[in-house]
Protein backbone atom coordinates (compact mmCIF):
# COMPACT_ATOMS: atom_id res chain seq x y z
CA UNK A 1 54.19 -22.15 50.83
CA UNK A 2 50.84 -20.79 52.16
CA UNK A 3 51.22 -19.60 55.68
CA UNK A 4 48.57 -20.64 58.26
CA UNK A 5 46.43 -17.28 57.47
CA UNK A 6 46.19 -18.95 54.09
CA UNK A 7 44.42 -22.08 55.36
CA UNK A 8 40.95 -21.14 56.65
CA UNK A 9 39.43 -24.40 53.67
CA UNK A 10 40.37 -26.72 56.44
CA UNK A 11 38.77 -25.05 59.12
CA UNK A 12 35.77 -25.39 56.60
CA UNK A 13 36.90 -29.00 56.04
CA UNK A 14 36.97 -30.07 59.45
CA UNK A 15 33.62 -28.35 60.52
CA UNK A 16 31.80 -29.89 57.44
CA UNK A 17 33.61 -33.18 58.60
CA UNK A 18 32.03 -32.78 62.23
CA UNK A 19 28.57 -32.26 60.72
CA UNK A 20 28.69 -35.10 58.70
CA UNK A 21 30.19 -37.46 61.00
CA UNK A 22 27.63 -36.71 63.78
CA UNK A 23 24.77 -37.12 61.20
CA UNK A 24 25.99 -40.44 60.19
CA UNK A 25 26.35 -41.47 63.72
CA UNK A 26 23.18 -40.91 64.99
CA UNK A 27 21.73 -43.72 62.68
CA UNK A 28 24.51 -46.11 63.54
CA UNK A 29 24.07 -45.87 67.44
CA UNK A 30 21.40 -48.53 67.11
CA UNK A 31 23.95 -51.22 65.77
CA UNK A 32 25.22 -51.51 68.81
CA UNK A 33 22.67 -50.55 71.44
CA UNK A 34 20.72 -53.60 69.62
CA UNK A 35 22.84 -56.02 72.12
CA UNK A 36 22.37 -53.47 75.21
CA UNK A 37 18.17 -53.25 74.41
CA UNK A 38 18.41 -56.92 74.41
CA UNK A 39 19.84 -57.11 77.46
CA UNK A 40 17.65 -54.79 79.41
CA UNK A 41 15.57 -57.12 81.05
CA UNK A 42 13.55 -54.64 83.10
CA UNK A 43 11.55 -53.72 80.34
CA UNK A 44 9.18 -56.78 79.42
CA UNK A 45 5.76 -56.76 77.33
CA UNK A 46 2.83 -59.47 76.88
CA UNK A 47 2.76 -61.51 73.68
CA UNK A 48 -0.22 -62.71 71.96
CA UNK A 49 0.19 -66.20 73.31
CA UNK A 50 -0.51 -65.05 77.05
CA UNK A 51 3.68 -65.19 77.90
CA UNK A 52 6.21 -62.31 78.17
CA UNK A 53 9.05 -61.12 76.10
CA UNK A 54 11.44 -58.34 76.11
CA UNK A 55 10.39 -55.14 74.60
CA UNK A 56 12.98 -54.81 72.57
CA UNK A 57 14.34 -58.57 71.76
CA UNK A 58 13.50 -57.80 67.82
CA UNK A 59 13.30 -60.33 65.43
CA UNK A 60 15.71 -60.21 61.93
CA UNK A 61 12.50 -59.01 60.23
CA UNK A 62 11.72 -56.28 62.72
CA UNK A 63 15.70 -55.18 62.43
CA UNK A 64 15.22 -54.70 58.85
CA UNK A 65 12.17 -52.51 59.18
CA UNK A 66 14.06 -50.60 62.01
CA UNK A 67 16.72 -49.97 59.01
CA UNK A 68 14.46 -49.68 56.50
CA UNK A 69 12.94 -46.78 58.27
CA UNK A 70 16.52 -44.72 57.86
CA UNK A 71 16.52 -46.13 54.11
CA UNK A 72 13.20 -44.86 53.12
CA UNK A 73 13.74 -41.52 54.58
CA UNK A 74 17.40 -40.99 52.92
CA UNK A 75 15.54 -42.24 49.60
CA UNK A 76 12.72 -39.62 49.88
CA UNK A 77 15.28 -36.94 50.93
CA UNK A 78 18.66 -37.17 48.72
CA UNK A 79 17.20 -35.50 45.67
CA UNK A 80 15.55 -32.44 47.37
CA UNK A 81 17.97 -31.60 49.73
CA UNK A 82 20.48 -31.91 46.27
CA UNK A 83 17.77 -29.48 44.66
CA UNK A 84 17.97 -27.38 47.99
CA UNK A 85 21.66 -26.96 47.73
CA UNK A 86 21.52 -25.71 44.04
CA UNK A 87 18.95 -23.10 44.92
CA UNK A 88 20.27 -22.05 48.02
CA UNK A 89 23.49 -23.26 48.78
CA UNK A 90 24.66 -25.73 51.72
CA UNK A 91 24.58 -23.64 54.62
CA UNK A 92 20.93 -23.61 55.83
CA UNK A 93 19.54 -26.90 54.31
CA UNK A 94 21.98 -28.66 55.99
CA UNK A 95 21.71 -26.59 59.50
CA UNK A 96 18.28 -27.87 58.96
CA UNK A 97 19.22 -31.73 58.22
CA UNK A 98 21.16 -31.12 61.40
CA UNK A 99 18.40 -30.14 63.80
CA UNK A 100 16.20 -32.75 62.65
CA UNK A 101 18.78 -35.68 63.27
CA UNK A 102 19.76 -34.27 66.63
CA UNK A 103 15.81 -34.15 67.63
CA UNK A 104 15.02 -37.34 66.36
CA UNK A 105 17.78 -39.23 67.87
CA UNK A 106 17.03 -37.53 71.28
CA UNK A 107 13.81 -39.18 70.98
CA UNK A 108 14.44 -42.40 69.94
CA UNK A 109 14.27 -44.41 73.78
CA UNK A 110 10.90 -43.08 73.90
CA UNK A 111 9.81 -43.86 70.79
CA UNK A 112 11.37 -47.55 71.08
CA UNK A 113 9.41 -47.88 74.26
CA UNK A 114 6.33 -46.75 72.88
CA UNK A 115 6.24 -49.14 70.13
CA UNK A 116 7.75 -50.12 66.61
CA UNK A 117 5.86 -47.72 64.42
CA UNK A 118 7.05 -44.81 66.59
CA UNK A 119 10.32 -46.18 66.65
CA UNK A 120 10.31 -46.70 62.58
CA UNK A 121 9.35 -42.86 62.68
CA UNK A 122 11.95 -41.53 64.47
CA UNK A 123 14.53 -43.64 62.24
CA UNK A 124 12.81 -42.19 59.30
CA UNK A 125 13.57 -38.58 60.27
CA UNK A 126 17.12 -39.84 61.02
CA UNK A 127 17.20 -40.96 57.49
CA UNK A 128 15.87 -37.88 55.93
CA UNK A 129 18.62 -35.93 57.46
CA UNK A 130 21.16 -38.33 56.53
CA UNK A 131 20.33 -37.93 53.08
CA UNK A 132 21.74 -34.32 53.08
CA UNK A 133 25.28 -35.76 53.47
CA UNK A 134 26.59 -36.59 50.38
CA UNK A 135 25.31 -33.51 48.73
CA UNK A 136 27.01 -31.41 51.23
CA UNK A 137 30.12 -33.49 50.55
CA UNK A 138 29.87 -32.63 46.92
CA UNK A 139 29.15 -29.02 47.86
CA UNK A 140 32.08 -28.81 49.95
CA UNK A 141 34.71 -30.33 47.49
CA UNK A 142 33.04 -28.11 44.60
CA UNK A 143 33.26 -24.85 46.34
CA UNK A 144 36.22 -24.95 48.82
CA UNK A 145 38.70 -28.11 47.28
CA UNK A 146 41.42 -26.72 44.81
CA UNK A 147 42.00 -29.34 41.97
CA UNK A 148 45.46 -30.42 43.63
CA UNK A 149 43.94 -31.11 46.54
CA UNK A 150 40.58 -33.43 45.34
CA UNK A 151 41.76 -36.77 46.87
CA UNK A 152 42.75 -34.89 50.18
CA UNK A 153 39.17 -33.34 50.54
CA UNK A 154 37.40 -36.63 49.48
CA UNK A 155 39.25 -38.83 51.48
CA UNK A 156 38.83 -36.50 54.61
CA UNK A 157 35.22 -35.96 54.08
CA UNK A 158 33.93 -39.67 52.88
CA UNK A 159 35.87 -41.13 56.17
CA UNK A 160 32.95 -39.76 58.09
CA UNK A 161 30.84 -43.40 57.89
CA UNK A 162 33.73 -45.45 59.34
CA UNK A 163 34.57 -43.18 61.82
CA UNK A 164 31.17 -42.43 63.05
CA UNK A 165 30.81 -46.42 63.13
CA UNK A 166 34.36 -46.77 65.42
CA UNK A 167 33.06 -43.84 67.66
CA UNK A 168 29.36 -44.74 68.09
CA UNK A 169 30.29 -47.99 69.01
CA UNK A 170 32.80 -46.80 71.66
CA UNK A 171 30.43 -44.41 73.16
CA UNK A 172 27.22 -46.72 72.87
CA UNK A 173 29.56 -49.40 74.81
CA UNK A 174 30.47 -47.11 77.32
CA UNK A 175 26.98 -46.02 77.93
CA UNK A 176 25.35 -49.61 77.88
CA UNK A 177 27.85 -50.31 80.73
CA UNK A 178 27.64 -47.42 82.99
CA UNK A 179 24.46 -45.02 82.50
CA UNK A 180 22.51 -47.14 80.01
CA UNK A 181 21.88 -47.39 76.17
CA UNK A 182 19.32 -44.33 76.40
CA UNK A 183 22.04 -41.98 77.21
CA UNK A 184 24.08 -42.81 74.13
CA UNK A 185 21.27 -41.59 72.04
CA UNK A 186 21.19 -38.35 74.38
CA UNK A 187 24.91 -37.68 74.46
CA UNK A 188 24.90 -37.82 70.07
CA UNK A 189 22.00 -35.53 69.74
CA UNK A 190 23.96 -33.02 72.34
CA UNK A 191 27.01 -33.21 70.46
CA UNK A 192 25.19 -32.64 67.08
CA UNK A 193 23.62 -29.73 68.15
CA UNK A 194 27.16 -28.50 69.31
CA UNK A 195 28.83 -28.82 65.90
CA UNK A 196 25.74 -27.77 63.58
CA UNK A 197 26.41 -24.57 65.54
CA UNK A 198 29.85 -24.09 64.12
CA UNK A 199 28.41 -25.00 60.99
CA UNK A 200 26.31 -22.02 61.10
CA UNK A 201 29.14 -19.60 62.23
CA UNK A 202 32.04 -20.60 59.89
CA UNK A 203 30.56 -21.98 56.77
CA UNK A 204 29.67 -19.82 53.71
CA UNK A 205 29.33 -21.20 50.15
CA UNK A 206 31.37 -18.82 48.52
CA UNK A 207 35.42 -18.55 49.22
CA UNK A 208 35.68 -15.24 47.03
CA UNK A 209 33.09 -13.45 49.65
CA UNK A 210 33.93 -15.29 52.80
CA UNK A 211 35.91 -12.96 55.10
CA UNK A 212 38.35 -15.26 56.25
CA UNK A 213 39.49 -15.98 52.85
CA UNK A 214 42.45 -14.10 52.07
CA UNK A 215 43.53 -13.30 48.22
CA UNK A 216 46.40 -15.94 48.01
CA UNK A 217 44.41 -18.84 49.41
CA UNK A 218 41.40 -17.72 46.99
CA UNK A 219 43.91 -17.92 43.83
CA UNK A 220 44.60 -21.37 45.18
CA UNK A 221 41.38 -22.90 45.88
CA UNK A 222 40.14 -21.73 42.14
CA UNK A 223 43.43 -22.84 40.34
CA UNK A 224 42.62 -24.39 36.73
CA UNK A 225 38.79 -24.25 37.67
CA UNK A 226 36.56 -23.26 34.48
CA UNK A 227 34.38 -20.06 35.11
CA UNK A 228 31.24 -22.36 35.26
CA UNK A 229 32.86 -24.13 38.43
CA UNK A 230 33.90 -21.13 40.33
CA UNK A 231 30.34 -19.53 39.99
CA UNK A 232 27.01 -21.06 40.96
CA UNK A 233 24.88 -21.80 38.10
CA UNK A 234 21.43 -23.52 39.25
CA UNK A 235 21.75 -25.64 35.78
CA UNK A 236 22.67 -29.12 35.84
CA UNK A 237 22.31 -31.20 32.61
CA UNK A 238 21.09 -34.43 34.17
CA UNK A 239 20.54 -36.46 31.17
CA UNK A 240 23.96 -35.72 30.04
CA UNK A 241 25.25 -37.12 33.09
CA UNK A 242 23.03 -39.69 34.20
CA UNK A 243 23.97 -41.40 30.61
CA UNK A 244 27.49 -40.85 30.96
CA UNK A 245 29.38 -43.97 30.66
CA UNK A 246 31.87 -43.31 32.93
CA UNK A 247 29.47 -41.86 35.79
CA UNK A 248 27.09 -45.15 35.39
CA UNK A 249 30.38 -47.48 36.22
CA UNK A 250 31.04 -44.86 38.92
CA UNK A 251 28.05 -45.12 40.31
CA UNK A 252 27.98 -49.02 40.14
CA UNK A 253 30.88 -49.09 41.73
CA UNK A 254 29.68 -47.13 44.57
CA UNK A 255 26.50 -49.07 44.69
CA UNK A 256 28.70 -52.67 45.21
CA UNK A 257 31.04 -51.01 47.60
CA UNK A 258 28.57 -49.21 49.78
CA UNK A 259 26.33 -52.82 49.98
CA UNK A 260 29.33 -54.46 51.43
CA UNK A 261 30.64 -51.86 54.00
CA UNK A 262 26.99 -51.00 54.88
CA UNK A 263 26.29 -54.85 55.38
CA UNK A 264 29.38 -55.04 57.72
CA UNK A 265 28.97 -51.90 59.43
CA UNK A 266 25.24 -52.86 60.37
CA UNK A 267 25.77 -56.55 61.15
CA UNK A 268 29.02 -57.21 62.41
CA UNK A 269 28.41 -56.67 66.27
CA UNK A 270 25.52 -59.36 65.42
CA UNK A 271 27.98 -61.61 63.42
CA UNK A 272 31.18 -61.07 66.11
CA UNK A 273 28.88 -61.82 68.83
CA UNK A 274 26.66 -64.51 67.65
CA UNK A 275 28.36 -66.60 65.00
CA UNK A 276 32.22 -66.03 66.34
CA UNK A 277 31.17 -66.11 69.88
CA UNK A 278 32.74 -63.29 71.11
CA UNK A 279 31.82 -60.95 74.27
CA UNK A 280 30.11 -57.59 74.15
CA UNK A 281 33.68 -56.13 75.00
CA UNK A 282 35.11 -57.76 72.00
CA UNK A 283 32.69 -57.09 69.84
CA UNK A 284 33.25 -53.48 70.67
CA UNK A 285 36.90 -53.66 70.32
CA UNK A 286 36.70 -55.34 66.80
CA UNK A 287 34.27 -53.57 65.20
CA UNK A 288 36.16 -50.42 66.46
CA UNK A 289 39.32 -51.66 65.29
CA UNK A 290 38.06 -52.43 61.83
CA UNK A 291 36.25 -49.23 60.83
CA UNK A 292 38.69 -47.33 62.72
CA UNK A 293 41.56 -48.32 60.45
CA UNK A 294 39.61 -47.34 57.54
CA UNK A 295 40.34 -43.68 58.33
CA UNK A 296 44.48 -43.45 58.33
CA UNK A 297 44.35 -45.72 55.43
CA UNK A 298 41.89 -43.34 53.62
CA UNK A 299 44.13 -40.33 54.47
CA UNK A 300 47.20 -42.42 53.28
CA UNK A 301 45.67 -43.26 50.13
CA UNK A 302 44.39 -39.62 49.52
CA UNK A 303 47.82 -37.90 50.37
CA UNK A 304 49.21 -40.49 47.67
CA UNK A 305 46.61 -40.33 45.28
CA UNK A 306 47.19 -36.42 45.08
CA UNK A 307 50.98 -35.60 45.75
CA UNK A 308 52.65 -38.88 43.63
CA UNK A 309 53.68 -37.40 40.59
CA UNK A 310 55.60 -40.37 38.90
CA UNK A 311 52.52 -42.51 38.24
CA UNK A 312 49.56 -40.93 35.88
CA UNK A 313 46.10 -39.97 37.49
CA UNK A 314 44.63 -42.75 35.75
CA UNK A 315 46.76 -45.48 36.61
CA UNK A 316 46.25 -44.23 40.22
CA UNK A 317 42.26 -44.26 40.40
CA UNK A 318 42.75 -48.01 38.75
CA UNK A 319 45.10 -49.14 41.49
CA UNK A 320 43.19 -47.38 44.67
CA UNK A 321 39.67 -48.61 43.16
CA UNK A 322 41.41 -52.59 42.87
CA UNK A 323 42.01 -51.78 46.36
CA UNK A 324 38.56 -50.37 47.71
CA UNK A 325 36.35 -52.57 45.41
CA UNK A 326 38.14 -55.14 43.96
CA UNK A 327 40.10 -56.34 47.26
CA UNK A 328 37.22 -55.57 49.15
CA UNK A 329 35.24 -58.48 47.68
CA UNK A 330 37.80 -60.88 47.91
CA UNK A 331 38.61 -60.18 51.43
CA UNK A 332 34.70 -60.32 52.40
CA UNK A 333 34.38 -63.52 50.77
CA UNK A 334 37.52 -64.90 52.74
CA UNK A 335 35.75 -64.28 56.26
CA UNK A 336 33.41 -66.90 56.36
CA UNK A 337 36.18 -69.64 54.90
CA UNK A 338 38.19 -69.10 57.60
CA UNK A 339 38.91 -72.03 59.87
CA UNK A 340 39.73 -69.95 63.01
CA UNK A 341 38.09 -66.99 64.56
CA UNK A 342 41.92 -65.08 64.44
CA UNK A 343 41.72 -65.66 60.87
CA UNK A 344 38.38 -64.39 60.24
CA UNK A 345 38.94 -61.44 62.17
CA UNK A 346 41.74 -60.50 60.35
CA UNK A 347 39.86 -60.63 57.12
CA UNK A 348 37.26 -58.83 58.74
CA UNK A 349 39.61 -55.89 59.43
CA UNK A 350 41.17 -55.97 56.24
CA UNK A 351 37.96 -55.55 54.37
CA UNK A 352 37.16 -52.03 56.29
CA UNK A 353 40.80 -50.97 56.07
CA UNK A 354 40.68 -51.69 52.21
CA UNK A 355 37.68 -49.89 51.67
CA UNK A 356 39.45 -46.54 52.55
CA UNK A 357 41.12 -46.29 49.25
CA UNK A 358 37.49 -45.39 47.73
CA UNK A 359 37.96 -41.98 47.97
CA UNK A 360 40.99 -42.27 45.61
CA UNK A 361 39.36 -44.48 43.26
CA UNK A 362 35.98 -44.26 41.94
CA UNK A 363 35.01 -41.20 44.06
CA UNK A 364 37.75 -39.28 42.63
CA UNK A 365 37.23 -40.42 38.76
CA UNK A 366 33.46 -39.16 39.26
CA UNK A 367 34.64 -36.00 40.81
CA UNK A 368 37.34 -35.09 38.25
CA UNK A 369 35.30 -35.88 35.42
CA UNK A 370 32.18 -34.12 36.76
CA UNK A 371 33.79 -30.94 37.72
CA UNK A 372 31.36 -28.37 38.76
CA UNK A 373 28.57 -30.75 38.58
CA UNK A 374 30.30 -33.00 41.19
CA UNK A 375 27.70 -32.14 43.88
CA UNK A 376 24.92 -33.95 41.98
CA UNK A 377 27.25 -37.02 41.41
CA UNK A 378 28.23 -37.36 45.25
CA UNK A 379 24.73 -36.57 45.86
CA UNK A 380 23.57 -39.55 43.87
CA UNK A 381 26.13 -41.67 45.05
CA UNK A 382 24.56 -40.98 48.65
CA UNK A 383 21.30 -42.42 46.86
CA UNK A 384 22.98 -45.53 46.03
CA UNK A 385 23.72 -45.69 49.70
CA UNK A 386 20.00 -45.45 50.48
CA UNK A 387 19.56 -48.12 47.81
CA UNK A 388 22.32 -50.31 49.95
CA UNK A 389 20.42 -49.73 53.29
CA UNK A 390 17.53 -51.46 51.48
CA UNK A 391 19.60 -54.01 49.81
CA UNK A 392 21.80 -55.15 52.93
CA UNK A 393 19.12 -55.40 55.35
CA UNK A 394 17.05 -57.35 52.54
CA UNK A 395 19.53 -59.90 52.14
CA UNK A 396 19.74 -59.91 55.69
CA UNK A 397 16.35 -60.79 56.32
CA UNK A 398 16.10 -62.82 53.20
CA UNK A 399 18.86 -65.54 54.11
CA UNK A 400 18.74 -65.40 57.67
CA UNK A 401 16.86 -68.02 59.42
CA UNK A 402 18.51 -66.52 63.08
CA UNK A 403 21.19 -64.41 64.02
CA UNK A 404 23.64 -67.16 64.11
CA UNK A 405 22.76 -69.09 60.70
CA UNK A 406 25.90 -69.80 59.37
CA UNK A 407 24.77 -70.67 56.16
CA UNK A 408 23.16 -67.46 55.84
CA UNK A 409 25.83 -65.58 56.81
CA UNK A 410 27.98 -67.12 54.03
CA UNK A 411 25.56 -66.23 51.34
CA UNK A 412 25.63 -62.66 52.64
CA UNK A 413 29.20 -62.52 52.29
CA UNK A 414 29.81 -64.46 48.81
CA UNK A 415 26.81 -62.23 46.98
CA UNK A 416 28.41 -59.12 48.09
CA UNK A 417 31.79 -60.56 46.82
CA UNK A 418 31.17 -60.99 43.64
CA UNK A 419 29.25 -57.97 43.17
CA UNK A 420 32.39 -55.85 43.98
CA UNK A 421 34.92 -57.87 42.28
CA UNK A 422 32.20 -57.47 38.96
CA UNK A 423 31.88 -53.29 39.14
CA UNK A 424 35.82 -53.43 39.68
CA UNK A 425 36.41 -54.83 36.37
CA UNK A 426 33.76 -52.57 34.63
CA UNK A 427 35.57 -49.63 36.10
CA UNK A 428 39.08 -50.63 34.16
CA UNK A 429 37.79 -49.66 30.69
CA UNK A 430 35.92 -46.06 31.43
CA UNK A 431 38.44 -44.73 34.13
CA UNK A 432 39.60 -41.33 32.95
CA UNK A 433 40.78 -37.88 34.63
CA UNK A 434 39.44 -35.83 31.93
CA UNK A 435 36.19 -33.31 32.18
CA UNK A 436 33.28 -35.01 30.25
CA UNK A 437 31.32 -32.82 27.30
CA UNK A 438 28.78 -31.84 29.73
CA UNK A 439 31.24 -29.63 31.66
CA UNK A 440 32.05 -27.68 29.05
CA UNK A 441 30.23 -24.31 28.54
CA UNK A 442 30.72 -21.29 26.81
CA UNK A 443 32.86 -19.89 29.46
CA UNK A 444 35.17 -22.93 29.18
CA UNK A 445 37.65 -21.85 26.24
CA UNK A 446 39.93 -20.00 29.15
CA UNK A 447 39.75 -23.19 31.03
CA UNK A 448 43.23 -24.44 31.97
CA UNK A 449 44.15 -28.16 32.75
CA UNK A 450 45.46 -29.44 36.05
CA UNK A 451 48.88 -30.23 35.52
CA UNK A 452 48.39 -33.52 37.26
CA UNK A 453 45.52 -34.49 35.08
CA UNK A 454 47.43 -35.67 31.50
CA UNK A 455 50.34 -35.70 29.43
CA UNK A 456 48.00 -33.01 27.21
CA UNK A 457 48.20 -30.21 30.10
CA UNK A 458 49.40 -26.78 28.72
CA UNK A 459 52.43 -25.68 29.97
CA UNK A 460 51.14 -22.03 29.61
CA UNK A 461 48.55 -22.73 32.79
CA UNK A 462 47.56 -19.38 33.92
CA UNK A 463 46.02 -18.88 37.37
CA UNK A 464 42.25 -17.75 37.38
CA UNK A 465 41.86 -14.07 37.81
CA UNK A 466 40.01 -13.08 41.04
CA UNK A 467 37.58 -10.34 40.19
C-alpha cells in the first residue's frame, strides 16, 4: 500500500477538477439567473411600439441566442486547444482559458445591460474558455492516471458538469435573494482566478520530472503503459481514430447523452418553475438535488468499475453504459408522462443520477481503446458537447411556443429519450477494453496488458522501467 507521500497524483486530480468545475460553472450561472434577471423590475427599456418592457425578459429565441454564444465559442475553440495541448502541454493553454473565463464572467452583467450583441460576445468568450475543459480532462487522465485507476480519474474529472450546475444554482439563488444576481457572476470570476493560481503552482504535464512525485508513485502511474503512452508524442493518427467503429459509437453515445443532460441542465429551472409550478426556492432545491446526486453516483460507479474483479471489464462497461445512456433515456421519457408533480420530480432526479455512470461506460471504453490518444478522443467528446449546446437550444426554440408549452416539452423529452436508447443499443456489439491497432507503435513489443483487461492478460506482467 502506498504511503501518503506517494499520492501526489490526487493533488493534481483535485486541482484539475476545481479548474474544470470553475470554467463550466461560469457559463452555467445564467441558467438560474435568468429567473432573477426577469424579476429585476428596476431595469426597463422602451419597446418599438412605444411601451416599456423589462430589460432582461428574454424570449425563447433570445435565450437560444445567448446559449448559442457558448456553443459557438466551444466549437471554435475545441480543436485549437487540443492542438495546443499536444504541442505545449496543458499547463499554460488551460491557464489562458481560465483567465478568459474569469474576465468574461466578470463582464457579463455589464454586457447584458449594454445589449444583446455584447451579451452574446461575452458568452462566446465563456464558450471559448470552456472548449479547453475536455482536452485538459483527457490530458490529465493520459499523463497522471494509472491504468488501474482510469475509472476513478474519469469518474471524478467528468463530474465537474453536474457539480458545477448544483453549485452555480445554489450560489446564484443565494445572491439573487441577497446582494443581487450580478454578484453571482463576480463571485464565480474571483473563484476561477483563485483555483487557476493553484493550477499554475502545482500542475506539470510530466510526472517523471515533477519534484513532488516519488519513484514508487511514478512506477504505479506508468505500470502497464507503453513507451508511446508514457512519452509525449506530437503525432496523432487522426484518420485511424476517426474511422474506428468503437470510437465512433462512443462519440455517438456521448452526443445523445450530452444533448439529453444539457437540455435538462439548461432548461430544468424553467420547466420546474413554469410547467410544474414550483417556487424559486423549490426550483433551486430540486435542480441542486438532481445534479448533486450525480456526483456520489458517479464516484461509486467509478470505484466499482475499477475494483470489482469478478466481472470482466467489457461486461462492466455494458452494464454502466446501460445505466448512463439507456436508462437515462427511459427516465427522461417518463418525466412528462407522470400524472403528479412528485412523480415527475422523481424521474427528473433519477435521470440526473443515472447519468453518473457514464464515466464507467462509454468514457472508459473510449479511453481504454485509444490509450495514449485518449486526450483527442475525450476532446472530441467535448466537441460533441458543443454540438449538444446547439442541438438542445435549437430543439427548445423549435418546439416551444412559450416557456410553459407542455406539448413542446413532451416532444423535447421524447426526442432525447429515443436518441439515447438507440445509442445504447449500438454500444453493445462494439464495446471493448483492448487497445486499438492505431495505438500500437514499434515500441509496443514490450507492452504489458492491464491484468484487469481480459483473459488474455499475461502472467509475466512487468512494471515499466523508470529511466
